[in-house]
PDB file of N, CA and C in Angstrom:
ATOM      1  N   MET A   1      37.487  -5.360  46.533  1.00  0.00           N
ATOM      2  CA  MET A   1      37.938  -6.740  46.439  1.00  0.00           C
ATOM      3  C   MET A   1      37.354  -7.327  45.154  1.00  0.00           C
ATOM      4  N   SER A   2      38.197  -7.813  44.282  1.00  0.00           N
ATOM      5  CA  SER A   2      37.782  -8.171  42.926  1.00  0.00           C
ATOM      6  C   SER A   2      36.860  -9.379  42.829  1.00  0.00           C
ATOM      7  N   ASP A   3      36.914 -10.298  43.766  1.00  0.00           N
ATOM      8  CA  ASP A   3      36.066 -11.495  43.673  1.00  0.00           C
ATOM      9  C   ASP A   3      34.824 -11.426  44.567  1.00  0.00           C
ATOM     10  N   CYS A   4      34.585 -10.293  45.182  1.00  0.00           N
ATOM     11  CA  CYS A   4      33.441 -10.116  46.084  1.00  0.00           C
ATOM     12  C   CYS A   4      32.196  -9.775  45.272  1.00  0.00           C
ATOM     13  N   ILE A   5      31.142 -10.579  45.433  1.00  0.00           N
ATOM     14  CA  ILE A   5      29.905 -10.356  44.680  1.00  0.00           C
ATOM     15  C   ILE A   5      29.284  -8.999  44.993  1.00  0.00           C
ATOM     16  N   PHE A   6      29.357  -8.548  46.238  1.00  0.00           N
ATOM     17  CA  PHE A   6      28.784  -7.248  46.579  1.00  0.00           C
ATOM     18  C   PHE A   6      29.608  -6.113  45.973  1.00  0.00           C
ATOM     19  N   CYS A   7      30.925  -6.267  45.925  1.00  0.00           N
ATOM     20  CA  CYS A   7      31.762  -5.252  45.273  1.00  0.00           C
ATOM     21  C   CYS A   7      31.433  -5.181  43.785  1.00  0.00           C
ATOM     22  N   LYS A   8      31.136  -6.316  43.180  1.00  0.00           N
ATOM     23  CA  LYS A   8      30.762  -6.327  41.764  1.00  0.00           C
ATOM     24  C   LYS A   8      29.409  -5.656  41.547  1.00  0.00           C
ATOM     25  N   ILE A   9      28.486  -5.836  42.487  1.00  0.00           N
ATOM     26  CA  ILE A   9      27.190  -5.140  42.410  1.00  0.00           C
ATOM     27  C   ILE A   9      27.415  -3.637  42.560  1.00  0.00           C
ATOM     28  N   ILE A  10      28.235  -3.240  43.509  1.00  0.00           N
ATOM     29  CA  ILE A  10      28.537  -1.827  43.737  1.00  0.00           C
ATOM     30  C   ILE A  10      29.154  -1.201  42.493  1.00  0.00           C
ATOM     31  N   ASP A  11      30.053  -1.931  41.829  1.00  0.00           N
ATOM     32  CA  ASP A  11      30.725  -1.433  40.627  1.00  0.00           C
ATOM     33  C   ASP A  11      29.854  -1.508  39.375  1.00  0.00           C
ATOM     34  N   GLY A  12      28.662  -2.129  39.479  1.00  0.00           N
ATOM     35  CA  GLY A  12      27.772  -2.237  38.328  1.00  0.00           C
ATOM     36  C   GLY A  12      28.075  -3.406  37.410  1.00  0.00           C
ATOM     37  N   GLN A  13      28.977  -4.288  37.816  1.00  0.00           N
ATOM     38  CA  GLN A  13      29.312  -5.460  37.013  1.00  0.00           C
ATOM     39  C   GLN A  13      28.211  -6.517  37.067  1.00  0.00           C
ATOM     40  N   ILE A  14      27.470  -6.530  38.168  1.00  0.00           N
ATOM     41  CA  ILE A  14      26.350  -7.456  38.357  1.00  0.00           C
ATOM     42  C   ILE A  14      25.108  -6.599  38.601  1.00  0.00           C
ATOM     43  N   PRO A  15      24.029  -6.856  37.859  1.00  0.00           N
ATOM     44  CA  PRO A  15      22.825  -6.044  38.062  1.00  0.00           C
ATOM     45  C   PRO A  15      22.152  -6.341  39.403  1.00  0.00           C
ATOM     46  N   SER A  16      21.448  -5.339  39.903  1.00  0.00           N
ATOM     47  CA  SER A  16      20.682  -5.503  41.138  1.00  0.00           C
ATOM     48  C   SER A  16      19.466  -4.600  41.062  1.00  0.00           C
ATOM     49  N   LYS A  17      18.520  -4.863  41.943  1.00  0.00           N
ATOM     50  CA  LYS A  17      17.345  -3.993  42.058  1.00  0.00           C
ATOM     51  C   LYS A  17      17.597  -3.045  43.224  1.00  0.00           C
ATOM     52  N   LYS A  18      18.213  -1.914  42.906  1.00  0.00           N
ATOM     53  CA  LYS A  18      18.558  -0.928  43.931  1.00  0.00           C
ATOM     54  C   LYS A  18      17.296  -0.293  44.495  1.00  0.00           C
ATOM     55  N   VAL A  19      17.312  -0.114  45.805  1.00  0.00           N
ATOM     56  CA  VAL A  19      16.217   0.601  46.461  1.00  0.00           C
ATOM     57  C   VAL A  19      16.710   1.857  47.177  1.00  0.00           C
ATOM     58  N   TYR A  20      18.032   1.995  47.315  1.00  0.00           N
ATOM     59  CA  TYR A  20      18.603   3.173  47.979  1.00  0.00           C
ATOM     60  C   TYR A  20      20.081   3.232  47.630  1.00  0.00           C
ATOM     61  N   GLU A  21      20.586   4.467  47.502  1.00  0.00           N
ATOM     62  CA  GLU A  21      22.019   4.631  47.280  1.00  0.00           C
ATOM     63  C   GLU A  21      22.430   6.041  47.654  1.00  0.00           C
ATOM     64  N   ASN A  22      23.592   6.139  48.292  1.00  0.00           N
ATOM     65  CA  ASN A  22      24.240   7.420  48.504  1.00  0.00           C
ATOM     66  C   ASN A  22      25.733   7.206  48.285  1.00  0.00           C
ATOM     67  N   GLU A  23      26.564   8.154  48.627  1.00  0.00           N
ATOM     68  CA  GLU A  23      27.989   8.011  48.315  1.00  0.00           C
ATOM     69  C   GLU A  23      28.680   6.893  49.101  1.00  0.00           C
ATOM     70  N   ASP A  24      28.117   6.480  50.232  1.00  0.00           N
ATOM     71  CA  ASP A  24      28.755   5.467  51.082  1.00  0.00           C
ATOM     72  C   ASP A  24      28.045   4.117  51.114  1.00  0.00           C
ATOM     73  N   ILE A  25      26.753   4.107  50.783  1.00  0.00           N
ATOM     74  CA  ILE A  25      25.894   2.941  51.020  1.00  0.00           C
ATOM     75  C   ILE A  25      25.107   2.610  49.758  1.00  0.00           C
ATOM     76  N   ILE A  26      24.874   1.319  49.557  1.00  0.00           N
ATOM     77  CA  ILE A  26      23.940   0.868  48.530  1.00  0.00           C
ATOM     78  C   ILE A  26      23.006  -0.147  49.185  1.00  0.00           C
ATOM     79  N   ALA A  27      21.747  -0.136  48.779  1.00  0.00           N
ATOM     80  CA  ALA A  27      20.764  -1.102  49.284  1.00  0.00           C
ATOM     81  C   ALA A  27      20.033  -1.678  48.081  1.00  0.00           C
ATOM     82  N   PHE A  28      19.864  -2.997  48.092  1.00  0.00           N
ATOM     83  CA  PHE A  28      19.230  -3.669  46.966  1.00  0.00           C
ATOM     84  C   PHE A  28      18.446  -4.877  47.446  1.00  0.00           C
ATOM     85  N   GLU A  29      17.481  -5.294  46.616  1.00  0.00           N
ATOM     86  CA  GLU A  29      16.637  -6.441  46.929  1.00  0.00           C
ATOM     87  C   GLU A  29      17.486  -7.713  47.015  1.00  0.00           C
ATOM     88  N   ASP A  30      17.216  -8.543  48.012  1.00  0.00           N
ATOM     89  CA  ASP A  30      17.869  -9.845  48.131  1.00  0.00           C
ATOM     90  C   ASP A  30      17.309 -10.766  47.039  1.00  0.00           C
ATOM     91  N   ILE A  31      18.171 -11.528  46.380  1.00  0.00           N
ATOM     92  CA  ILE A  31      17.696 -12.407  45.296  1.00  0.00           C
ATOM     93  C   ILE A  31      17.016 -13.666  45.821  1.00  0.00           C
ATOM     94  N   HIS A  32      17.175 -13.949  47.105  1.00  0.00           N
ATOM     95  CA  HIS A  32      16.492 -15.079  47.749  1.00  0.00           C
ATOM     96  C   HIS A  32      15.769 -14.554  48.988  1.00  0.00           C
ATOM     97  N   PRO A  33      14.676 -13.806  48.791  1.00  0.00           N
ATOM     98  CA  PRO A  33      14.035 -13.139  49.933  1.00  0.00           C
ATOM     99  C   PRO A  33      13.466 -14.111  50.954  1.00  0.00           C
ATOM    100  N   ALA A  34      13.654 -13.758  52.223  1.00  0.00           N
ATOM    101  CA  ALA A  34      13.122 -14.537  53.334  1.00  0.00           C
ATOM    102  C   ALA A  34      11.859 -13.904  53.904  1.00  0.00           C
ATOM    103  N   ALA A  35      11.412 -12.804  53.297  1.00  0.00           N
ATOM    104  CA  ALA A  35      10.204 -12.088  53.729  1.00  0.00           C
ATOM    105  C   ALA A  35       9.689 -11.303  52.532  1.00  0.00           C
ATOM    106  N   PRO A  36       8.444 -10.814  52.596  1.00  0.00           N
ATOM    107  CA  PRO A  36       7.925 -10.012  51.485  1.00  0.00           C
ATOM    108  C   PRO A  36       8.834  -8.826  51.121  1.00  0.00           C
ATOM    109  N   VAL A  37       9.443  -8.200  52.123  1.00  0.00           N
ATOM    110  CA  VAL A  37      10.460  -7.176  51.900  1.00  0.00           C
ATOM    111  C   VAL A  37      11.763  -7.729  52.464  1.00  0.00           C
ATOM    112  N   HIS A  38      12.778  -7.824  51.622  1.00  0.00           N
ATOM    113  CA  HIS A  38      14.088  -8.296  52.067  1.00  0.00           C
ATOM    114  C   HIS A  38      15.136  -7.531  51.272  1.00  0.00           C
ATOM    115  N   VAL A  39      15.741  -6.570  51.939  1.00  0.00           N
ATOM    116  CA  VAL A  39      16.714  -5.687  51.314  1.00  0.00           C
ATOM    117  C   VAL A  39      18.055  -5.854  52.026  1.00  0.00           C
ATOM    118  N   LEU A  40      19.138  -5.844  51.249  1.00  0.00           N
ATOM    119  CA  LEU A  40      20.490  -5.868  51.797  1.00  0.00           C
ATOM    120  C   LEU A  40      21.047  -4.449  51.772  1.00  0.00           C
ATOM    121  N   VAL A  41      21.594  -4.011  52.884  1.00  0.00           N
ATOM    122  CA  VAL A  41      22.190  -2.688  52.997  1.00  0.00           C
ATOM    123  C   VAL A  41      23.688  -2.895  53.191  1.00  0.00           C
ATOM    124  N   VAL A  42      24.474  -2.329  52.268  1.00  0.00           N
ATOM    125  CA  VAL A  42      25.891  -2.672  52.144  1.00  0.00           C
ATOM    126  C   VAL A  42      26.738  -1.403  52.045  1.00  0.00           C
ATOM    127  N   PRO A  43      27.835  -1.335  52.805  1.00  0.00           N
ATOM    128  CA  PRO A  43      28.744  -0.204  52.599  1.00  0.00           C
ATOM    129  C   PRO A  43      29.474  -0.375  51.258  1.00  0.00           C
ATOM    130  N   LYS A  44      29.707   0.730  50.575  1.00  0.00           N
ATOM    131  CA  LYS A  44      30.411   0.648  49.296  1.00  0.00           C
ATOM    132  C   LYS A  44      31.883   0.298  49.479  1.00  0.00           C
ATOM    133  N   LYS A  45      32.441   0.719  50.603  1.00  0.00           N
ATOM    134  CA  LYS A  45      33.825   0.343  50.908  1.00  0.00           C
ATOM    135  C   LYS A  45      33.809  -1.098  51.418  1.00  0.00           C
ATOM    136  N   HIS A  46      34.689  -1.937  50.880  1.00  0.00           N
ATOM    137  CA  HIS A  46      34.714  -3.338  51.300  1.00  0.00           C
ATOM    138  C   HIS A  46      35.210  -3.451  52.744  1.00  0.00           C
ATOM    139  N   ILE A  47      34.367  -4.047  53.587  1.00  0.00           N
ATOM    140  CA  ILE A  47      34.698  -4.396  54.967  1.00  0.00           C
ATOM    141  C   ILE A  47      34.212  -5.828  55.109  1.00  0.00           C
ATOM    142  N   ASP A  48      35.073  -6.737  55.509  1.00  0.00           N
ATOM    143  CA  ASP A  48      34.716  -8.163  55.537  1.00  0.00           C
ATOM    144  C   ASP A  48      33.512  -8.481  56.416  1.00  0.00           C
ATOM    145  N   SER A  49      33.493  -7.958  57.631  1.00  0.00           N
ATOM    146  CA  SER A  49      32.421  -8.284  58.578  1.00  0.00           C
ATOM    147  C   SER A  49      32.482  -7.311  59.745  1.00  0.00           C
ATOM    148  N   LEU A  50      31.587  -7.493  60.704  1.00  0.00           N
ATOM    149  CA  LEU A  50      31.636  -6.673  61.921  1.00  0.00           C
ATOM    150  C   LEU A  50      32.993  -6.808  62.606  1.00  0.00           C
ATOM    151  N   GLU A  51      33.597  -7.968  62.500  1.00  0.00           N
ATOM    152  CA  GLU A  51      34.905  -8.202  63.122  1.00  0.00           C
ATOM    153  C   GLU A  51      36.008  -7.384  62.477  1.00  0.00           C
ATOM    154  N   SER A  52      35.749  -6.826  61.306  1.00  0.00           N
ATOM    155  CA  SER A  52      36.748  -6.018  60.596  1.00  0.00           C
ATOM    156  C   SER A  52      36.599  -4.528  60.861  1.00  0.00           C
ATOM    157  N   LEU A  53      35.625  -4.162  61.695  1.00  0.00           N
ATOM    158  CA  LEU A  53      35.484  -2.749  62.035  1.00  0.00           C
ATOM    159  C   LEU A  53      36.644  -2.307  62.917  1.00  0.00           C
ATOM    160  N   ASN A  54      37.050  -1.065  62.723  1.00  0.00           N
ATOM    161  CA  ASN A  54      38.149  -0.508  63.503  1.00  0.00           C
ATOM    162  C   ASN A  54      37.923   1.001  63.609  1.00  0.00           C
ATOM    163  N   PRO A  55      38.750   1.709  64.362  1.00  0.00           N
ATOM    164  CA  PRO A  55      38.532   3.150  64.525  1.00  0.00           C
ATOM    165  C   PRO A  55      38.512   3.932  63.200  1.00  0.00           C
ATOM    166  N   ASP A  56      39.149   3.414  62.170  1.00  0.00           N
ATOM    167  CA  ASP A  56      39.193   4.118  60.890  1.00  0.00           C
ATOM    168  C   ASP A  56      37.939   3.946  60.049  1.00  0.00           C
ATOM    169  N   ASN A  57      37.112   2.905  60.326  1.00  0.00           N
ATOM    170  CA  ASN A  57      35.935   2.666  59.475  1.00  0.00           C
ATOM    171  C   ASN A  57      34.624   2.520  60.247  1.00  0.00           C
ATOM    172  N   VAL A  58      34.655   2.625  61.555  1.00  0.00           N
ATOM    173  CA  VAL A  58      33.466   2.360  62.366  1.00  0.00           C
ATOM    174  C   VAL A  58      32.332   3.359  62.117  1.00  0.00           C
ATOM    175  N   GLU A  59      32.645   4.564  61.628  1.00  0.00           N
ATOM    176  CA  GLU A  59      31.581   5.546  61.393  1.00  0.00           C
ATOM    177  C   GLU A  59      30.594   5.067  60.342  1.00  0.00           C
ATOM    178  N   ILE A  60      30.976   4.089  59.540  1.00  0.00           N
ATOM    179  CA  ILE A  60      30.070   3.553  58.513  1.00  0.00           C
ATOM    180  C   ILE A  60      28.837   2.912  59.149  1.00  0.00           C
ATOM    181  N   VAL A  61      28.958   2.402  60.353  1.00  0.00           N
ATOM    182  CA  VAL A  61      27.823   1.752  61.014  1.00  0.00           C
ATOM    183  C   VAL A  61      26.677   2.741  61.220  1.00  0.00           C
ATOM    184  N   GLY A  62      26.980   3.923  61.658  1.00  0.00           N
ATOM    185  CA  GLY A  62      25.946   4.946  61.824  1.00  0.00           C
ATOM    186  C   GLY A  62      25.299   5.295  60.492  1.00  0.00           C
ATOM    187  N   LYS A  63      26.114   5.398  59.450  1.00  0.00           N
ATOM    188  CA  LYS A  63      25.582   5.697  58.117  1.00  0.00           C
ATOM    189  C   LYS A  63      24.693   4.562  57.615  1.00  0.00           C
ATOM    190  N   ILE A  64      25.078   3.336  57.908  1.00  0.00           N
ATOM    191  CA  ILE A  64      24.254   2.183  57.522  1.00  0.00           C
ATOM    192  C   ILE A  64      22.908   2.252  58.238  1.00  0.00           C
ATOM    193  N   HIS A  65      22.929   2.547  59.512  1.00  0.00           N
ATOM    194  CA  HIS A  65      21.675   2.601  60.269  1.00  0.00           C
ATOM    195  C   HIS A  65      20.757   3.713  59.762  1.00  0.00           C
ATOM    196  N   MET A  66      21.322   4.839  59.376  1.00  0.00           N
ATOM    197  CA  MET A  66      20.497   5.899  58.797  1.00  0.00           C
ATOM    198  C   MET A  66      19.928   5.453  57.444  1.00  0.00           C
ATOM    199  N   ALA A  67      20.716   4.728  56.672  1.00  0.00           N
ATOM    200  CA  ALA A  67      20.234   4.205  55.386  1.00  0.00           C
ATOM    201  C   ALA A  67      19.123   3.187  55.608  1.00  0.00           C
ATOM    202  N   ILE A  68      19.246   2.368  56.642  1.00  0.00           N
ATOM    203  CA  ILE A  68      18.201   1.383  56.957  1.00  0.00           C
ATOM    204  C   ILE A  68      16.877   2.096  57.222  1.00  0.00           C
ATOM    205  N   ARG A  69      16.912   3.198  57.939  1.00  0.00           N
ATOM    206  CA  ARG A  69      15.685   3.965  58.196  1.00  0.00           C
ATOM    207  C   ARG A  69      15.061   4.446  56.890  1.00  0.00           C
ATOM    208  N   GLU A  70      15.888   4.902  55.958  1.00  0.00           N
ATOM    209  CA  GLU A  70      15.385   5.363  54.658  1.00  0.00           C
ATOM    210  C   GLU A  70      14.808   4.208  53.852  1.00  0.00           C
ATOM    211  N   VAL A  71      15.491   3.073  53.869  1.00  0.00           N
ATOM    212  CA  VAL A  71      14.997   1.881  53.164  1.00  0.00           C
ATOM    213  C   VAL A  71      13.634   1.481  53.720  1.00  0.00           C
ATOM    214  N   ALA A  72      13.523   1.429  55.034  1.00  0.00           N
ATOM    215  CA  ALA A  72      12.250   1.038  55.659  1.00  0.00           C
ATOM    216  C   ALA A  72      11.135   2.004  55.261  1.00  0.00           C
ATOM    217  N   LYS A  73      11.436   3.285  55.256  1.00  0.00           N
ATOM    218  CA  LYS A  73      10.445   4.282  54.849  1.00  0.00           C
ATOM    219  C   LYS A  73      10.073   4.104  53.378  1.00  0.00           C
ATOM    220  N   ASN A  74      11.086   3.957  52.512  1.00  0.00           N
ATOM    221  CA  ASN A  74      10.847   3.794  51.073  1.00  0.00           C
ATOM    222  C   ASN A  74      10.045   2.536  50.746  1.00  0.00           C
ATOM    223  N   LYS A  75      10.234   1.487  51.523  1.00  0.00           N
ATOM    224  CA  LYS A  75       9.539   0.218  51.290  1.00  0.00           C
ATOM    225  C   LYS A  75       8.208   0.154  52.039  1.00  0.00           C
ATOM    226  N   GLY A  76       7.887   1.175  52.825  1.00  0.00           N
ATOM    227  CA  GLY A  76       6.609   1.234  53.520  1.00  0.00           C
ATOM    228  C   GLY A  76       6.486   0.306  54.715  1.00  0.00           C
ATOM    229  N   ILE A  77       7.608  -0.032  55.332  1.00  0.00           N
ATOM    230  CA  ILE A  77       7.572  -0.938  56.487  1.00  0.00           C
ATOM    231  C   ILE A  77       7.959  -0.234  57.789  1.00  0.00           C
ATOM    232  N   ASN A  78       8.215   1.064  57.713  1.00  0.00           N
ATOM    233  CA  ASN A  78       8.693   1.781  58.896  1.00  0.00           C
ATOM    234  C   ASN A  78       7.648   1.927  59.987  1.00  0.00           C
ATOM    235  N   THR A  79       6.361   1.993  59.644  1.00  0.00           N
ATOM    236  CA  THR A  79       5.356   2.201  60.688  1.00  0.00           C
ATOM    237  C   THR A  79       4.948   0.911  61.377  1.00  0.00           C
ATOM    238  N   ASP A  80       4.879  -0.187  60.642  1.00  0.00           N
ATOM    239  CA  ASP A  80       4.471  -1.465  61.239  1.00  0.00           C
ATOM    240  C   ASP A  80       5.627  -2.237  61.860  1.00  0.00           C
ATOM    241  N   GLY A  81       6.845  -1.925  61.460  1.00  0.00           N
ATOM    242  CA  GLY A  81       8.011  -2.575  62.036  1.00  0.00           C
ATOM    243  C   GLY A  81       8.726  -3.490  61.061  1.00  0.00           C
ATOM    244  N   TYR A  82       9.951  -3.771  61.407  1.00  0.00           N
ATOM    245  CA  TYR A  82      10.813  -4.589  60.558  1.00  0.00           C
ATOM    246  C   TYR A  82      11.926  -5.187  61.405  1.00  0.00           C
ATOM    247  N   ARG A  83      12.630  -6.132  60.825  1.00  0.00           N
ATOM    248  CA  ARG A  83      13.739  -6.797  61.505  1.00  0.00           C
ATOM    249  C   ARG A  83      15.030  -6.484  60.767  1.00  0.00           C
ATOM    250  N   VAL A  84      16.097  -6.248  61.520  1.00  0.00           N
ATOM    251  CA  VAL A  84      17.420  -6.001  60.949  1.00  0.00           C
ATOM    252  C   VAL A  84      18.354  -7.085  61.486  1.00  0.00           C
ATOM    253  N   ILE A  85      19.061  -7.732  60.565  1.00  0.00           N
ATOM    254  CA  ILE A  85      19.944  -8.842  60.943  1.00  0.00           C
ATOM    255  C   ILE A  85      21.324  -8.618  60.329  1.00  0.00           C
ATOM    256  N   VAL A  86      22.355  -8.866  61.130  1.00  0.00           N
ATOM    257  CA  VAL A  86      23.727  -8.866  60.642  1.00  0.00           C
ATOM    258  C   VAL A  86      24.327 -10.208  61.032  1.00  0.00           C
ATOM    259  N   ASN A  87      24.743 -10.961  60.032  1.00  0.00           N
ATOM    260  CA  ASN A  87      25.427 -12.228  60.281  1.00  0.00           C
ATOM    261  C   ASN A  87      26.924 -11.956  60.279  1.00  0.00           C
ATOM    262  N   CYS A  88      27.648 -12.615  61.176  1.00  0.00           N
ATOM    263  CA  CYS A  88      29.081 -12.377  61.291  1.00  0.00           C
ATOM    264  C   CYS A  88      29.825 -13.708  61.315  1.00  0.00           C
ATOM    265  N   GLY A  89      30.606 -13.959  60.289  1.00  0.00           N
ATOM    266  CA  GLY A  89      31.422 -15.163  60.214  1.00  0.00           C
ATOM    267  C   GLY A  89      30.631 -16.401  59.828  1.00  0.00           C
ATOM    268  N   LYS A  90      31.358 -17.451  59.534  1.00  0.00           N
ATOM    269  CA  LYS A  90      30.758 -18.707  59.070  1.00  0.00           C
ATOM    270  C   LYS A  90      29.726 -19.256  60.044  1.00  0.00           C
ATOM    271  N   ASN A  91      30.057 -19.335  61.313  1.00  0.00           N
ATOM    272  CA  ASN A  91      29.117 -19.887  62.287  1.00  0.00           C
ATOM    273  C   ASN A  91      27.939 -18.959  62.555  1.00  0.00           C
ATOM    274  N   GLY A  92      28.090 -17.692  62.216  1.00  0.00           N
ATOM    275  CA  GLY A  92      26.993 -16.732  62.356  1.00  0.00           C
ATOM    276  C   GLY A  92      26.088 -16.686  61.137  1.00  0.00           C
ATOM    277  N   GLY A  93      26.421 -17.486  60.114  1.00  0.00           N
ATOM    278  CA  GLY A  93      25.584 -17.544  58.919  1.00  0.00           C
ATOM    279  C   GLY A  93      25.965 -16.562  57.826  1.00  0.00           C
ATOM    280  N   GLN A  94      27.109 -15.900  57.943  1.00  0.00           N
ATOM    281  CA  GLN A  94      27.531 -14.957  56.912  1.00  0.00           C
ATOM    282  C   GLN A  94      28.051 -15.731  55.703  1.00  0.00           C
ATOM    283  N   THR A  95      27.385 -15.565  54.559  1.00  0.00           N
ATOM    284  CA  THR A  95      27.778 -16.304  53.352  1.00  0.00           C
ATOM    285  C   THR A  95      28.545 -15.439  52.351  1.00  0.00           C
ATOM    286  N   VAL A  96      28.455 -14.122  52.486  1.00  0.00           N
ATOM    287  CA  VAL A  96      29.230 -13.218  51.627  1.00  0.00           C
ATOM    288  C   VAL A  96      30.159 -12.422  52.533  1.00  0.00           C
ATOM    289  N   PRO A  97      31.466 -12.519  52.327  1.00  0.00           N
ATOM    290  CA  PRO A  97      32.413 -11.826  53.208  1.00  0.00           C
ATOM    291  C   PRO A  97      32.538 -10.336  52.893  1.00  0.00           C
ATOM    292  N   HIS A  98      31.419  -9.638  53.025  1.00  0.00           N
ATOM    293  CA  HIS A  98      31.346  -8.178  52.890  1.00  0.00           C
ATOM    294  C   HIS A  98      30.246  -7.767  53.857  1.00  0.00           C
ATOM    295  N   LEU A  99      30.565  -6.884  54.787  1.00  0.00           N
ATOM    296  CA  LEU A  99      29.589  -6.450  55.785  1.00  0.00           C
ATOM    297  C   LEU A  99      28.277  -6.076  55.114  1.00  0.00           C
ATOM    298  N   HIS A 100      27.180  -6.642  55.606  1.00  0.00           N
ATOM    299  CA  HIS A 100      25.859  -6.296  55.066  1.00  0.00           C
ATOM    300  C   HIS A 100      24.789  -6.551  56.112  1.00  0.00           C
ATOM    301  N   TYR A 101      23.750  -5.757  56.019  1.00  0.00           N
ATOM    302  CA  TYR A 101      22.618  -5.843  56.936  1.00  0.00           C
ATOM    303  C   TYR A 101      21.397  -6.287  56.139  1.00  0.00           C
ATOM    304  N   HIS A 102      20.644  -7.230  56.693  1.00  0.00           N
ATOM    305  CA  HIS A 102      19.390  -7.678  56.098  1.00  0.00           C
ATOM    306  C   HIS A 102      18.261  -6.879  56.741  1.00  0.00           C
ATOM    307  N   VAL A 103      17.423  -6.265  55.923  1.00  0.00           N
ATOM    308  CA  VAL A 103      16.234  -5.563  56.405  1.00  0.00           C
ATOM    309  C   VAL A 103      15.033  -6.369  55.923  1.00  0.00           C
ATOM    310  N   LEU A 104      14.277  -6.916  56.879  1.00  0.00           N
ATOM    311  CA  LEU A 104      13.142  -7.780  56.567  1.00  0.00           C
ATOM    312  C   LEU A 104      11.864  -7.150  57.081  1.00  0.00           C
ATOM    313  N   GLY A 105      10.825  -7.195  56.249  1.00  0.00           N
ATOM    314  CA  GLY A 105       9.555  -6.622  56.667  1.00  0.00           C
ATOM    315  C   GLY A 105       8.413  -7.139  55.817  1.00  0.00           C
ATOM    316  N   GLY A 106       7.243  -6.565  56.063  1.00  0.00           N
ATOM    317  CA  GLY A 106       6.057  -6.976  55.325  1.00  0.00           C
ATOM    318  C   GLY A 106       5.426  -8.239  55.863  1.00  0.00           C
ATOM    319  N   ALA A 107       5.848  -8.653  57.049  1.00  0.00           N
ATOM    320  CA  ALA A 107       5.310  -9.846  57.710  1.00  0.00           C
ATOM    321  C   ALA A 107       5.425  -9.636  59.213  1.00  0.00           C
ATOM    322  N   VAL A 108       4.733 -10.471  59.966  1.00  0.00           N
ATOM    323  CA  VAL A 108       4.824 -10.439  61.424  1.00  0.00           C
ATOM    324  C   VAL A 108       5.875 -11.459  61.840  1.00  0.00           C
ATOM    325  N   PHE A 109       6.881 -10.999  62.556  1.00  0.00           N
ATOM    326  CA  PHE A 109       7.947 -11.873  63.028  1.00  0.00           C
ATOM    327  C   PHE A 109       7.712 -12.156  64.507  1.00  0.00           C
ATOM    328  N   ASN A 110       7.037 -13.254  64.800  1.00  0.00           N
ATOM    329  CA  ASN A 110       6.737 -13.603  66.176  1.00  0.00           C
ATOM    330  C   ASN A 110       7.808 -14.433  66.833  1.00  0.00           C
ATOM    331  N   GLU A 111       8.627 -15.095  66.039  1.00  0.00           N
ATOM    332  CA  GLU A 111       9.663 -15.959  66.593  1.00  0.00           C
ATOM    333  C   GLU A 111      10.697 -15.122  67.333  1.00  0.00           C
ATOM    334  N   LYS A 112      10.924 -15.502  68.579  1.00  0.00           N
ATOM    335  CA  LYS A 112      11.947 -14.814  69.358  1.00  0.00           C
ATOM    336  C   LYS A 112      13.231 -15.613  69.224  1.00  0.00           C
ATOM    337  N   ILE A 113      14.283 -14.918  68.860  1.00  0.00           N
ATOM    338  CA  ILE A 113      15.574 -15.572  68.651  1.00  0.00           C
ATOM    339  C   ILE A 113      16.337 -15.644  69.972  1.00  0.00           C
ATOM    340  N   ILE A 114      16.195 -14.602  70.781  1.00  0.00           N
ATOM    341  CA  ILE A 114      16.900 -14.613  72.076  1.00  0.00           C
ATOM    342  C   ILE A 114      15.892 -14.421  73.196  1.00  0.00           C
TER     343      ILE A 114
END
């Protein structure tokens, strides 16, 4: 998608601080971190949100989760723990219409959301 900021990062049109990449996934530092470690994990194929998953693209979720494990290990937060967040749609707080997971760590998250 030509106007998607994450697609532009994937294509190299916008610089990012990459922390992980494979043929399907890219992970990079969030430019407005909400924690000492805040990485976005994004599929390279444009998918608008969780609501856009279907039988043809759902396997990407497993690949994203495996990438999240690698990101956590690479950032040194895998042993103490981390938080993974996916926002879906406007009311869910999704500000970029490209499926992405927030990996937050390096702090103690005591606040219970649910």
